[in-house]
Amino acid sequence: FLPKLQDHLLGRLTGREFDGDMHEEFTDSDRNSIRFLGGKIYSVQTCRIYYTSYDLQRQYDVINPCAHPDIILRSPITEAGAEPYWYARVIGVYHAKVWAENPAIPGGKITRRMDFLWVRWFGDEPGYRSGFRRARLPKIGFVESTDDFAFSFVDPANVIRGCHLIPAFNAGRGTTLLPQSRSIARRLNPEDIDDWLNFYVNM
């Protein structure tokens, strides 16, 4: 949890564009330069995401890990054939007052409030093609928990809005993606001991 959070905050403080927090070049010394005022991180229940609706009205979605946790973000991958959006399930909403004892960060010693979401990522279903021409909704599934980037942090400012996911009932459920029977990653349905293997993105 903490090393991933430090990577995320370092990326933001150094002004890097969001890339999924793949900051392999950060050292332990860099990570340890992040300071939390009072040694505290605050957990809250909801996060409000504002967006512009199709009729140019200001709307918002309330993201709640226990009720409405799924979000959509613009993918940073722009190469041909790449999916334009990424999807994630929020499992924690946090904020902290942060400063950095790192000369590479401009104004690093200025204490600032930073908000962040702890998420479990979805990935595209291999070999599946969607779109209006095919009359098929996008199909996604959770990234395997053994993947280094199955869980990470997101800046709420990068979230477009909440999204509605429909379980792919014919694909069934299983524990292959998250073998632990009890996990905070299942806050939406804490009594569940497995996950739906796939979801369709409602559009």
N, C-alpha and C. Protein backbone atom coordinates (compact mmCIF):
# COMPACT_ATOMS: atom_id res chain seq x y z
N PHE A 1 0.83 -1.20 0.00
CA PHE A 1 0.00 0.00 0.00
C PHE A 1 0.87 1.26 0.00
N LEU A 2 1.77 1.37 0.99
CA LEU A 2 2.53 2.61 1.15
C LEU A 2 3.50 2.89 0.00
N PRO A 3 4.29 1.91 -0.47
CA PRO A 3 5.18 2.21 -1.60
C PRO A 3 4.42 2.66 -2.85
N LYS A 4 3.27 2.04 -3.12
CA LYS A 4 2.48 2.45 -4.28
C LYS A 4 1.94 3.87 -4.10
N LEU A 5 1.51 4.18 -2.88
CA LEU A 5 1.03 5.53 -2.61
C LEU A 5 2.15 6.55 -2.76
N GLN A 6 3.33 6.22 -2.27
CA GLN A 6 4.47 7.13 -2.40
C GLN A 6 4.82 7.35 -3.87
N ASP A 7 4.80 6.29 -4.67
CA ASP A 7 5.04 6.44 -6.11
C ASP A 7 4.02 7.37 -6.74
N HIS A 8 2.76 7.17 -6.37
CA HIS A 8 1.68 7.98 -6.93
C HIS A 8 1.86 9.46 -6.57
N LEU A 9 2.12 9.73 -5.31
CA LEU A 9 2.27 11.12 -4.88
C LEU A 9 3.52 11.76 -5.47
N LEU A 10 4.60 11.00 -5.58
CA LEU A 10 5.81 11.52 -6.21
C LEU A 10 5.56 11.89 -7.67
N GLY A 11 4.82 11.04 -8.38
CA GLY A 11 4.50 11.33 -9.77
C GLY A 11 3.73 12.63 -9.90
N ARG A 12 2.79 12.86 -9.01
CA ARG A 12 2.00 14.09 -9.07
C ARG A 12 2.82 15.31 -8.66
N LEU A 13 3.63 15.16 -7.63
CA LEU A 13 4.42 16.30 -7.15
C LEU A 13 5.50 16.71 -8.13
N THR A 14 5.98 15.76 -8.93
CA THR A 14 7.00 16.09 -9.93
C THR A 14 6.38 16.50 -11.26
N GLY A 15 5.04 16.55 -11.32
CA GLY A 15 4.35 17.05 -12.51
C GLY A 15 4.28 16.07 -13.66
N ARG A 16 4.41 14.78 -13.38
CA ARG A 16 4.35 13.79 -14.45
C ARG A 16 2.92 13.54 -14.89
N GLU A 17 2.76 13.29 -16.19
CA GLU A 17 1.45 12.92 -16.71
C GLU A 17 1.08 11.53 -16.18
N PHE A 18 -0.22 11.33 -15.96
CA PHE A 18 -0.68 10.04 -15.46
C PHE A 18 -0.37 8.94 -16.47
N ASP A 19 0.29 7.88 -16.01
CA ASP A 19 0.62 6.75 -16.88
C ASP A 19 0.35 5.41 -16.20
N GLY A 20 -0.51 5.42 -15.18
CA GLY A 20 -0.76 4.20 -14.44
C GLY A 20 0.21 3.99 -13.30
N ASP A 21 0.98 5.04 -12.96
CA ASP A 21 1.95 4.98 -11.86
C ASP A 21 3.05 3.96 -12.09
N MET A 22 3.51 3.86 -13.32
CA MET A 22 4.63 2.96 -13.62
C MET A 22 5.94 3.72 -13.45
N HIS A 23 6.27 4.02 -12.19
CA HIS A 23 7.43 4.85 -11.89
C HIS A 23 8.57 3.98 -11.35
N GLU A 24 9.08 3.09 -12.19
CA GLU A 24 10.11 2.17 -11.72
C GLU A 24 11.40 2.89 -11.34
N GLU A 25 11.58 4.12 -11.84
CA GLU A 25 12.85 4.81 -11.59
C GLU A 25 12.91 5.46 -10.20
N PHE A 26 11.79 5.54 -9.49
CA PHE A 26 11.82 6.10 -8.15
C PHE A 26 12.56 5.15 -7.21
N THR A 27 13.44 5.72 -6.40
CA THR A 27 14.22 4.92 -5.46
C THR A 27 13.55 4.93 -4.09
N ASP A 28 14.04 4.07 -3.20
CA ASP A 28 13.52 4.07 -1.83
C ASP A 28 13.77 5.42 -1.17
N SER A 29 14.90 6.05 -1.51
CA SER A 29 15.19 7.37 -0.96
C SER A 29 14.16 8.39 -1.42
N ASP A 30 13.77 8.32 -2.71
CA ASP A 30 12.73 9.21 -3.22
C ASP A 30 11.42 8.98 -2.46
N ARG A 31 11.06 7.71 -2.30
CA ARG A 31 9.79 7.39 -1.63
C ARG A 31 9.79 7.88 -0.18
N ASN A 32 10.91 7.71 0.49
CA ASN A 32 10.98 8.10 1.90
C ASN A 32 11.03 9.62 2.09
N SER A 33 11.15 10.36 0.99
CA SER A 33 11.14 11.83 1.10
C SER A 33 9.73 12.37 1.26
N ILE A 34 8.72 11.53 1.00
CA ILE A 34 7.33 11.96 1.16
C ILE A 34 6.98 11.98 2.64
N ARG A 35 6.40 13.08 3.09
CA ARG A 35 6.02 13.23 4.49
C ARG A 35 4.52 13.51 4.60
N PHE A 36 3.88 12.86 5.56
CA PHE A 36 2.46 13.08 5.84
C PHE A 36 2.36 13.88 7.14
N LEU A 37 1.70 15.02 7.07
CA LEU A 37 1.60 15.89 8.23
C LEU A 37 0.94 15.14 9.38
N GLY A 38 1.63 15.08 10.51
CA GLY A 38 1.12 14.36 11.66
C GLY A 38 1.15 12.86 11.50
N GLY A 39 1.76 12.37 10.39
CA GLY A 39 1.78 10.93 10.13
C GLY A 39 0.40 10.36 9.88
N LYS A 40 -0.51 11.18 9.34
CA LYS A 40 -1.91 10.76 9.21
C LYS A 40 -2.38 10.76 7.76
N ILE A 41 -3.17 9.74 7.42
CA ILE A 41 -3.92 9.66 6.17
C ILE A 41 -5.38 9.49 6.56
N TYR A 42 -6.25 10.30 5.97
CA TYR A 42 -7.66 10.28 6.36
C TYR A 42 -8.49 9.50 5.34
N SER A 43 -9.32 8.61 5.84
CA SER A 43 -10.23 7.83 5.00
C SER A 43 -11.63 8.44 5.09
N VAL A 44 -12.26 8.64 3.93
CA VAL A 44 -13.63 9.17 3.89
C VAL A 44 -14.50 8.22 3.09
N GLN A 45 -15.81 8.43 3.14
CA GLN A 45 -16.74 7.47 2.56
C GLN A 45 -17.02 7.71 1.08
N THR A 46 -16.97 8.97 0.64
CA THR A 46 -17.39 9.27 -0.73
C THR A 46 -16.45 10.28 -1.38
N CYS A 47 -16.55 10.34 -2.70
CA CYS A 47 -15.84 11.33 -3.50
C CYS A 47 -16.80 11.82 -4.58
N ARG A 48 -16.90 13.13 -4.74
CA ARG A 48 -17.82 13.69 -5.73
C ARG A 48 -17.04 14.06 -6.99
N ILE A 49 -17.45 13.50 -8.13
CA ILE A 49 -16.79 13.75 -9.42
C ILE A 49 -17.72 14.58 -10.29
N TYR A 50 -17.28 15.77 -10.68
CA TYR A 50 -18.08 16.64 -11.54
C TYR A 50 -17.74 16.39 -13.00
N TYR A 51 -18.76 16.48 -13.85
CA TYR A 51 -18.55 16.31 -15.29
C TYR A 51 -19.61 17.12 -16.03
N THR A 52 -19.39 17.31 -17.33
CA THR A 52 -20.34 18.03 -18.18
C THR A 52 -21.19 17.03 -18.92
N SER A 53 -22.50 17.13 -18.79
CA SER A 53 -23.42 16.19 -19.43
C SER A 53 -23.56 16.52 -20.92
N TYR A 54 -24.26 15.65 -21.64
CA TYR A 54 -24.41 15.82 -23.08
C TYR A 54 -25.16 17.10 -23.45
N ASP A 55 -26.02 17.59 -22.55
CA ASP A 55 -26.74 18.83 -22.82
C ASP A 55 -26.05 20.03 -22.16
N LEU A 56 -24.73 19.87 -21.91
CA LEU A 56 -23.86 20.95 -21.41
C LEU A 56 -24.27 21.46 -20.03
N GLN A 57 -24.80 20.56 -19.22
CA GLN A 57 -25.12 20.89 -17.84
C GLN A 57 -24.04 20.32 -16.92
N ARG A 58 -23.83 20.99 -15.80
CA ARG A 58 -22.86 20.49 -14.82
C ARG A 58 -23.55 19.44 -13.96
N GLN A 59 -22.99 18.23 -13.97
CA GLN A 59 -23.53 17.13 -13.19
C GLN A 59 -22.41 16.55 -12.32
N TYR A 60 -22.78 15.64 -11.44
CA TYR A 60 -21.74 14.98 -10.65
C TYR A 60 -22.18 13.56 -10.31
N ASP A 61 -21.18 12.71 -10.11
CA ASP A 61 -21.39 11.36 -9.61
C ASP A 61 -20.75 11.27 -8.23
N VAL A 62 -21.43 10.59 -7.32
CA VAL A 62 -20.87 10.34 -6.00
C VAL A 62 -20.28 8.93 -6.00
N ILE A 63 -18.97 8.86 -5.86
CA ILE A 63 -18.28 7.57 -5.84
C ILE A 63 -18.20 7.08 -4.41
N ASN A 64 -18.74 5.89 -4.18
CA ASN A 64 -18.77 5.30 -2.85
C ASN A 64 -18.31 3.85 -2.97
N PRO A 65 -17.21 3.46 -2.33
CA PRO A 65 -16.70 2.09 -2.46
C PRO A 65 -17.71 1.01 -2.08
N CYS A 66 -18.70 1.37 -1.28
CA CYS A 66 -19.68 0.39 -0.82
C CYS A 66 -20.99 0.43 -1.60
N ALA A 67 -21.13 1.37 -2.55
CA ALA A 67 -22.41 1.49 -3.25
C ALA A 67 -22.26 1.79 -4.73
N HIS A 68 -21.38 2.70 -5.10
CA HIS A 68 -21.22 3.11 -6.51
C HIS A 68 -19.73 3.30 -6.77
N PRO A 69 -18.97 2.18 -6.91
CA PRO A 69 -17.52 2.28 -6.87
C PRO A 69 -16.79 2.34 -8.22
N ASP A 70 -17.48 2.14 -9.33
CA ASP A 70 -16.78 1.97 -10.60
C ASP A 70 -16.60 3.30 -11.33
N ILE A 71 -15.40 3.49 -11.90
CA ILE A 71 -15.05 4.76 -12.54
C ILE A 71 -14.44 4.51 -13.91
N ILE A 72 -14.45 5.56 -14.72
CA ILE A 72 -13.85 5.53 -16.05
C ILE A 72 -12.84 6.66 -16.15
N LEU A 73 -11.68 6.36 -16.76
CA LEU A 73 -10.62 7.33 -16.96
C LEU A 73 -10.17 7.30 -18.41
N ARG A 74 -9.60 8.40 -18.87
CA ARG A 74 -9.01 8.44 -20.20
C ARG A 74 -7.71 7.66 -20.18
N SER A 75 -7.53 6.75 -21.12
CA SER A 75 -6.30 5.98 -21.17
C SER A 75 -5.13 6.85 -21.63
N PRO A 76 -3.97 6.74 -20.97
CA PRO A 76 -2.80 7.49 -21.42
C PRO A 76 -2.13 6.88 -22.64
N ILE A 77 -2.57 5.68 -23.05
CA ILE A 77 -1.98 5.00 -24.20
C ILE A 77 -2.67 5.49 -25.47
N THR A 78 -1.91 6.08 -26.38
CA THR A 78 -2.49 6.70 -27.57
C THR A 78 -2.13 5.97 -28.86
N GLU A 79 -1.42 4.87 -28.78
CA GLU A 79 -1.02 4.17 -30.00
C GLU A 79 -2.23 3.56 -30.70
N ALA A 80 -2.09 3.30 -32.00
CA ALA A 80 -3.19 2.78 -32.80
C ALA A 80 -3.71 1.46 -32.24
N GLY A 81 -5.03 1.35 -32.17
CA GLY A 81 -5.66 0.13 -31.70
C GLY A 81 -5.86 0.05 -30.20
N ALA A 82 -5.30 1.00 -29.46
CA ALA A 82 -5.44 0.98 -28.00
C ALA A 82 -6.84 1.43 -27.61
N GLU A 83 -7.36 0.85 -26.54
CA GLU A 83 -8.66 1.26 -26.04
C GLU A 83 -8.57 2.68 -25.47
N PRO A 84 -9.58 3.51 -25.73
CA PRO A 84 -9.48 4.91 -25.30
C PRO A 84 -9.71 5.13 -23.80
N TYR A 85 -10.28 4.14 -23.11
CA TYR A 85 -10.62 4.34 -21.71
C TYR A 85 -10.09 3.21 -20.83
N TRP A 86 -9.81 3.56 -19.59
CA TRP A 86 -9.49 2.58 -18.56
C TRP A 86 -10.62 2.58 -17.54
N TYR A 87 -10.80 1.44 -16.87
CA TYR A 87 -11.86 1.30 -15.87
C TYR A 87 -11.27 0.76 -14.58
N ALA A 88 -11.84 1.19 -13.46
CA ALA A 88 -11.34 0.75 -12.16
C ALA A 88 -12.48 0.72 -11.16
N ARG A 89 -12.28 -0.05 -10.10
CA ARG A 89 -13.23 -0.09 -8.98
C ARG A 89 -12.56 0.54 -7.77
N VAL A 90 -13.18 1.56 -7.22
CA VAL A 90 -12.63 2.27 -6.06
C VAL A 90 -12.87 1.44 -4.80
N ILE A 91 -11.80 1.19 -4.05
CA ILE A 91 -11.95 0.45 -2.79
C ILE A 91 -11.56 1.30 -1.59
N GLY A 92 -11.14 2.55 -1.85
CA GLY A 92 -10.83 3.46 -0.75
C GLY A 92 -10.72 4.89 -1.23
N VAL A 93 -11.23 5.83 -0.43
CA VAL A 93 -11.16 7.26 -0.74
C VAL A 93 -10.40 7.93 0.40
N TYR A 94 -9.33 8.64 0.07
CA TYR A 94 -8.45 9.18 1.11
C TYR A 94 -8.01 10.61 0.78
N HIS A 95 -7.54 11.29 1.82
CA HIS A 95 -6.82 12.55 1.62
C HIS A 95 -5.80 12.70 2.74
N ALA A 96 -4.79 13.50 2.47
CA ALA A 96 -3.73 13.73 3.45
C ALA A 96 -3.08 15.07 3.16
N LYS A 97 -2.45 15.64 4.17
CA LYS A 97 -1.62 16.83 3.97
C LYS A 97 -0.18 16.35 3.81
N VAL A 98 0.39 16.71 2.66
CA VAL A 98 1.65 16.11 2.23
C VAL A 98 2.69 17.19 1.96
N TRP A 99 3.95 16.88 2.28
CA TRP A 99 5.07 17.68 1.82
C TRP A 99 6.22 16.73 1.54
N ALA A 100 7.25 17.22 0.85
CA ALA A 100 8.34 16.34 0.42
C ALA A 100 9.69 16.97 0.72
N GLU A 101 10.54 16.17 1.31
CA GLU A 101 11.91 16.61 1.58
C GLU A 101 12.80 16.13 0.43
N ASN A 102 12.53 16.72 -0.74
CA ASN A 102 13.19 16.28 -1.97
C ASN A 102 13.49 17.50 -2.83
N PRO A 103 14.77 17.81 -3.08
CA PRO A 103 15.12 19.01 -3.85
C PRO A 103 14.65 18.96 -5.30
N ALA A 104 14.31 17.77 -5.80
CA ALA A 104 13.85 17.66 -7.19
C ALA A 104 12.40 18.09 -7.36
N ILE A 105 11.70 18.34 -6.25
CA ILE A 105 10.29 18.73 -6.31
C ILE A 105 10.18 20.22 -6.03
N PRO A 106 9.78 21.03 -7.02
CA PRO A 106 9.63 22.47 -6.79
C PRO A 106 8.60 22.75 -5.69
N GLY A 107 8.99 23.55 -4.71
CA GLY A 107 8.07 23.86 -3.62
C GLY A 107 7.69 22.66 -2.80
N GLY A 108 8.56 21.66 -2.77
CA GLY A 108 8.22 20.41 -2.11
C GLY A 108 7.95 20.55 -0.63
N LYS A 109 8.56 21.53 0.02
CA LYS A 109 8.38 21.67 1.47
C LYS A 109 7.11 22.42 1.84
N ILE A 110 6.35 22.83 0.83
CA ILE A 110 5.05 23.45 1.10
C ILE A 110 4.03 22.35 1.35
N THR A 111 3.37 22.42 2.49
CA THR A 111 2.35 21.42 2.82
C THR A 111 1.10 21.67 1.99
N ARG A 112 0.59 20.62 1.38
CA ARG A 112 -0.61 20.74 0.55
C ARG A 112 -1.52 19.54 0.79
N ARG A 113 -2.81 19.76 0.63
CA ARG A 113 -3.76 18.65 0.72
C ARG A 113 -3.77 17.91 -0.61
N MET A 114 -3.73 16.58 -0.54
CA MET A 114 -3.80 15.76 -1.74
C MET A 114 -4.86 14.69 -1.54
N ASP A 115 -5.74 14.56 -2.52
CA ASP A 115 -6.79 13.55 -2.51
C ASP A 115 -6.38 12.40 -3.42
N PHE A 116 -6.74 11.18 -3.05
CA PHE A 116 -6.37 10.04 -3.88
C PHE A 116 -7.35 8.89 -3.64
N LEU A 117 -7.52 8.10 -4.69
CA LEU A 117 -8.42 6.95 -4.67
C LEU A 117 -7.58 5.68 -4.78
N TRP A 118 -7.86 4.72 -3.93
CA TRP A 118 -7.22 3.40 -4.02
C TRP A 118 -8.14 2.54 -4.89
N VAL A 119 -7.60 1.97 -5.96
CA VAL A 119 -8.45 1.28 -6.93
C VAL A 119 -7.94 -0.12 -7.25
N ARG A 120 -8.88 -0.94 -7.70
CA ARG A 120 -8.59 -2.25 -8.28
C ARG A 120 -8.90 -2.13 -9.77
N TRP A 121 -7.91 -2.41 -10.61
CA TRP A 121 -8.04 -2.16 -12.04
C TRP A 121 -8.78 -3.28 -12.77
N PHE A 122 -9.51 -2.86 -13.80
CA PHE A 122 -10.05 -3.78 -14.79
C PHE A 122 -9.14 -3.77 -16.01
N GLY A 123 -9.14 -4.87 -16.75
CA GLY A 123 -8.40 -4.95 -18.00
C GLY A 123 -9.33 -5.41 -19.12
N ASP A 124 -8.93 -5.16 -20.36
CA ASP A 124 -9.72 -5.58 -21.51
C ASP A 124 -9.73 -7.11 -21.62
N GLU A 125 -10.81 -7.65 -22.11
CA GLU A 125 -10.91 -9.08 -22.34
C GLU A 125 -10.12 -9.44 -23.60
N PRO A 126 -9.10 -10.31 -23.49
CA PRO A 126 -8.28 -10.66 -24.66
C PRO A 126 -9.11 -11.26 -25.79
N GLY A 127 -8.85 -10.79 -27.00
CA GLY A 127 -9.51 -11.34 -28.18
C GLY A 127 -10.92 -10.86 -28.43
N TYR A 128 -11.44 -10.03 -27.54
CA TYR A 128 -12.81 -9.54 -27.68
C TYR A 128 -12.80 -8.19 -28.37
N ARG A 129 -13.72 -7.98 -29.32
CA ARG A 129 -13.83 -6.72 -30.04
C ARG A 129 -15.21 -6.13 -29.82
N SER A 130 -15.24 -4.84 -29.54
CA SER A 130 -16.51 -4.17 -29.27
C SER A 130 -16.64 -2.95 -30.17
N GLY A 131 -17.77 -2.28 -30.05
CA GLY A 131 -17.97 -1.04 -30.80
C GLY A 131 -19.34 -1.00 -31.45
N PHE A 132 -19.69 0.17 -31.96
CA PHE A 132 -21.01 0.34 -32.57
C PHE A 132 -21.15 -0.50 -33.84
N ARG A 133 -20.08 -0.62 -34.62
CA ARG A 133 -20.17 -1.41 -35.85
C ARG A 133 -20.42 -2.88 -35.55
N ARG A 134 -19.88 -3.35 -34.44
CA ARG A 134 -20.09 -4.75 -34.06
C ARG A 134 -21.31 -4.92 -33.16
N ALA A 135 -21.90 -3.80 -32.74
CA ALA A 135 -23.07 -3.82 -31.84
C ALA A 135 -22.77 -4.63 -30.58
N ARG A 136 -21.58 -4.39 -30.01
CA ARG A 136 -21.18 -5.10 -28.80
C ARG A 136 -20.62 -4.10 -27.79
N LEU A 137 -21.04 -4.25 -26.54
CA LEU A 137 -20.52 -3.40 -25.48
C LEU A 137 -19.08 -3.79 -25.14
N PRO A 138 -18.27 -2.84 -24.65
CA PRO A 138 -16.93 -3.21 -24.18
C PRO A 138 -17.02 -4.25 -23.07
N LYS A 139 -16.08 -5.19 -23.08
CA LYS A 139 -16.06 -6.27 -22.11
C LYS A 139 -14.74 -6.23 -21.35
N ILE A 140 -14.83 -6.23 -20.02
CA ILE A 140 -13.63 -6.11 -19.19
C ILE A 140 -13.68 -7.13 -18.06
N GLY A 141 -12.56 -7.27 -17.38
CA GLY A 141 -12.49 -8.15 -16.21
C GLY A 141 -11.39 -7.65 -15.29
N PHE A 142 -11.45 -8.03 -14.04
CA PHE A 142 -10.42 -7.60 -13.09
C PHE A 142 -9.05 -8.11 -13.51
N VAL A 143 -8.03 -7.28 -13.28
CA VAL A 143 -6.65 -7.71 -13.47
C VAL A 143 -6.30 -8.69 -12.36
N GLU A 144 -5.55 -9.74 -12.69
CA GLU A 144 -5.17 -10.73 -11.68
C GLU A 144 -4.43 -10.08 -10.53
N SER A 145 -4.74 -10.51 -9.31
CA SER A 145 -4.17 -9.88 -8.12
C SER A 145 -2.66 -10.06 -8.04
N THR A 146 -2.11 -11.04 -8.77
CA THR A 146 -0.66 -11.25 -8.74
C THR A 146 0.08 -10.24 -9.62
N ASP A 147 -0.64 -9.50 -10.45
CA ASP A 147 -0.02 -8.47 -11.29
C ASP A 147 0.39 -7.29 -10.41
N ASP A 148 1.59 -6.75 -10.65
CA ASP A 148 2.09 -5.65 -9.83
C ASP A 148 1.20 -4.42 -9.89
N PHE A 149 0.42 -4.29 -10.96
CA PHE A 149 -0.40 -3.09 -11.13
C PHE A 149 -1.90 -3.40 -11.02
N ALA A 150 -2.24 -4.49 -10.35
CA ALA A 150 -3.66 -4.82 -10.15
C ALA A 150 -4.32 -3.80 -9.23
N PHE A 151 -3.54 -3.26 -8.30
CA PHE A 151 -4.04 -2.25 -7.36
C PHE A 151 -3.10 -1.05 -7.40
N SER A 152 -3.66 0.14 -7.42
CA SER A 152 -2.82 1.34 -7.36
C SER A 152 -3.70 2.53 -6.97
N PHE A 153 -3.17 3.72 -7.19
CA PHE A 153 -3.87 4.94 -6.76
C PHE A 153 -4.16 5.83 -7.96
N VAL A 154 -5.23 6.62 -7.83
CA VAL A 154 -5.68 7.50 -8.90
C VAL A 154 -5.97 8.88 -8.32
N ASP A 155 -5.58 9.90 -9.06
CA ASP A 155 -5.95 11.27 -8.73
C ASP A 155 -7.41 11.47 -9.14
N PRO A 156 -8.30 11.89 -8.23
CA PRO A 156 -9.70 12.11 -8.63
C PRO A 156 -9.85 13.05 -9.82
N ALA A 157 -8.88 13.94 -10.03
CA ALA A 157 -8.96 14.87 -11.16
C ALA A 157 -8.85 14.15 -12.50
N ASN A 158 -8.32 12.92 -12.51
CA ASN A 158 -8.20 12.15 -13.74
C ASN A 158 -9.44 11.32 -14.05
N VAL A 159 -10.39 11.28 -13.13
CA VAL A 159 -11.60 10.49 -13.32
C VAL A 159 -12.59 11.28 -14.17
N ILE A 160 -13.10 10.66 -15.23
CA ILE A 160 -14.10 11.31 -16.07
C ILE A 160 -15.44 11.35 -15.36
N ARG A 161 -15.87 10.18 -14.89
CA ARG A 161 -17.12 10.07 -14.14
C ARG A 161 -17.27 8.63 -13.66
N GLY A 162 -18.34 8.36 -12.95
CA GLY A 162 -18.64 6.98 -12.58
C GLY A 162 -19.16 6.23 -13.80
N CYS A 163 -19.15 4.90 -13.72
CA CYS A 163 -19.67 4.11 -14.84
C CYS A 163 -20.49 2.94 -14.29
N HIS A 164 -21.33 2.39 -15.16
CA HIS A 164 -22.20 1.28 -14.78
C HIS A 164 -21.73 0.02 -15.47
N LEU A 165 -21.40 -0.99 -14.69
CA LEU A 165 -20.92 -2.26 -15.23
C LEU A 165 -21.97 -3.35 -15.02
N ILE A 166 -22.16 -4.16 -16.06
CA ILE A 166 -23.13 -5.26 -16.03
C ILE A 166 -22.36 -6.58 -15.97
N PRO A 167 -22.57 -7.39 -14.94
CA PRO A 167 -21.87 -8.68 -14.91
C PRO A 167 -22.19 -9.52 -16.14
N ALA A 168 -21.16 -10.17 -16.68
CA ALA A 168 -21.36 -11.11 -17.79
C ALA A 168 -21.75 -12.45 -17.16
N PHE A 169 -23.04 -12.65 -16.97
CA PHE A 169 -23.53 -13.80 -16.21
C PHE A 169 -23.10 -15.12 -16.82
N ASN A 170 -23.01 -15.17 -18.16
CA ASN A 170 -22.65 -16.44 -18.81
C ASN A 170 -21.20 -16.83 -18.55
N ALA A 171 -20.35 -15.85 -18.17
CA ALA A 171 -18.94 -16.16 -17.88
C ALA A 171 -18.76 -16.74 -16.49
N GLY A 172 -19.75 -16.53 -15.62
CA GLY A 172 -19.70 -17.10 -14.29
C GLY A 172 -18.81 -16.33 -13.33
N ARG A 173 -18.55 -16.96 -12.19
CA ARG A 173 -17.75 -16.36 -11.13
C ARG A 173 -16.57 -17.27 -10.82
N GLY A 174 -15.58 -16.71 -10.12
CA GLY A 174 -14.44 -17.53 -9.77
C GLY A 174 -13.50 -16.79 -8.84
N THR A 175 -12.49 -17.52 -8.37
CA THR A 175 -11.50 -16.95 -7.45
C THR A 175 -10.12 -16.86 -8.10
N THR A 176 -10.04 -17.11 -9.40
CA THR A 176 -8.73 -17.11 -10.05
C THR A 176 -8.09 -15.73 -10.07
N LEU A 177 -8.90 -14.68 -10.09
CA LEU A 177 -8.36 -13.32 -10.17
C LEU A 177 -7.98 -12.77 -8.80
N LEU A 178 -8.61 -13.29 -7.75
CA LEU A 178 -8.30 -12.87 -6.37
C LEU A 178 -8.59 -14.07 -5.47
N PRO A 179 -7.57 -14.90 -5.21
CA PRO A 179 -7.80 -16.16 -4.49
C PRO A 179 -8.28 -16.00 -3.05
N GLN A 180 -7.99 -14.87 -2.40
CA GLN A 180 -8.39 -14.69 -1.01
C GLN A 180 -9.91 -14.66 -0.90
N SER A 181 -10.46 -15.43 0.02
CA SER A 181 -11.91 -15.51 0.15
C SER A 181 -12.50 -14.25 0.76
N ARG A 182 -11.75 -13.57 1.62
CA ARG A 182 -12.21 -12.32 2.21
C ARG A 182 -11.19 -11.23 1.90
N SER A 183 -11.66 -10.13 1.32
CA SER A 183 -10.73 -9.08 0.91
C SER A 183 -11.43 -7.74 0.90
N ILE A 184 -10.70 -6.69 1.26
CA ILE A 184 -11.24 -5.33 1.19
C ILE A 184 -11.56 -4.94 -0.25
N ALA A 185 -10.97 -5.65 -1.21
CA ALA A 185 -11.24 -5.37 -2.62
C ALA A 185 -12.68 -5.69 -2.99
N ARG A 186 -13.39 -6.41 -2.12
CA ARG A 186 -14.80 -6.75 -2.38
C ARG A 186 -15.73 -5.95 -1.47
N ARG A 187 -15.40 -4.69 -1.23
CA ARG A 187 -16.20 -3.86 -0.33
C ARG A 187 -17.62 -3.66 -0.84
N LEU A 188 -17.81 -3.72 -2.17
CA LEU A 188 -19.16 -3.52 -2.72
C LEU A 188 -20.10 -4.61 -2.23
N ASN A 189 -19.60 -5.84 -2.16
CA ASN A 189 -20.38 -6.98 -1.65
C ASN A 189 -19.48 -7.77 -0.70
N PRO A 190 -19.33 -7.30 0.54
CA PRO A 190 -18.35 -7.91 1.45
C PRO A 190 -18.61 -9.36 1.80
N GLU A 191 -19.83 -9.85 1.55
CA GLU A 191 -20.11 -11.25 1.85
C GLU A 191 -19.62 -12.18 0.74
N ASP A 192 -19.25 -11.61 -0.42
CA ASP A 192 -18.79 -12.44 -1.55
C ASP A 192 -17.43 -13.05 -1.25
N ILE A 193 -17.22 -14.26 -1.75
CA ILE A 193 -15.92 -14.91 -1.62
C ILE A 193 -15.27 -15.12 -2.99
N ASP A 194 -15.93 -14.63 -4.05
CA ASP A 194 -15.37 -14.71 -5.40
C ASP A 194 -15.87 -13.50 -6.20
N ASP A 195 -15.48 -13.43 -7.48
CA ASP A 195 -15.82 -12.28 -8.32
C ASP A 195 -16.47 -12.75 -9.62
N TRP A 196 -17.28 -11.87 -10.20
CA TRP A 196 -17.68 -12.09 -11.59
C TRP A 196 -16.43 -12.01 -12.44
N LEU A 197 -16.29 -12.92 -13.39
CA LEU A 197 -15.07 -12.98 -14.20
C LEU A 197 -15.03 -11.87 -15.25
N ASN A 198 -16.20 -11.44 -15.72
CA ASN A 198 -16.24 -10.39 -16.74
C ASN A 198 -17.42 -9.45 -16.50
N PHE A 199 -17.29 -8.26 -17.07
CA PHE A 199 -18.35 -7.25 -17.02
C PHE A 199 -18.48 -6.60 -18.39
N TYR A 200 -19.69 -6.15 -18.70
CA TYR A 200 -19.92 -5.30 -19.87
C TYR A 200 -20.06 -3.86 -19.38
N VAL A 201 -19.47 -2.94 -20.14
CA VAL A 201 -19.57 -1.52 -19.80
C VAL A 201 -20.84 -0.96 -20.42
N ASN A 202 -21.79 -0.58 -19.59
CA ASN A 202 -23.05 -0.04 -20.09
C ASN A 202 -22.81 1.35 -20.69
N MET A 203 -23.38 1.59 -21.86
CA MET A 203 -23.15 2.85 -22.56
C MET A 203 -24.47 3.54 -22.87
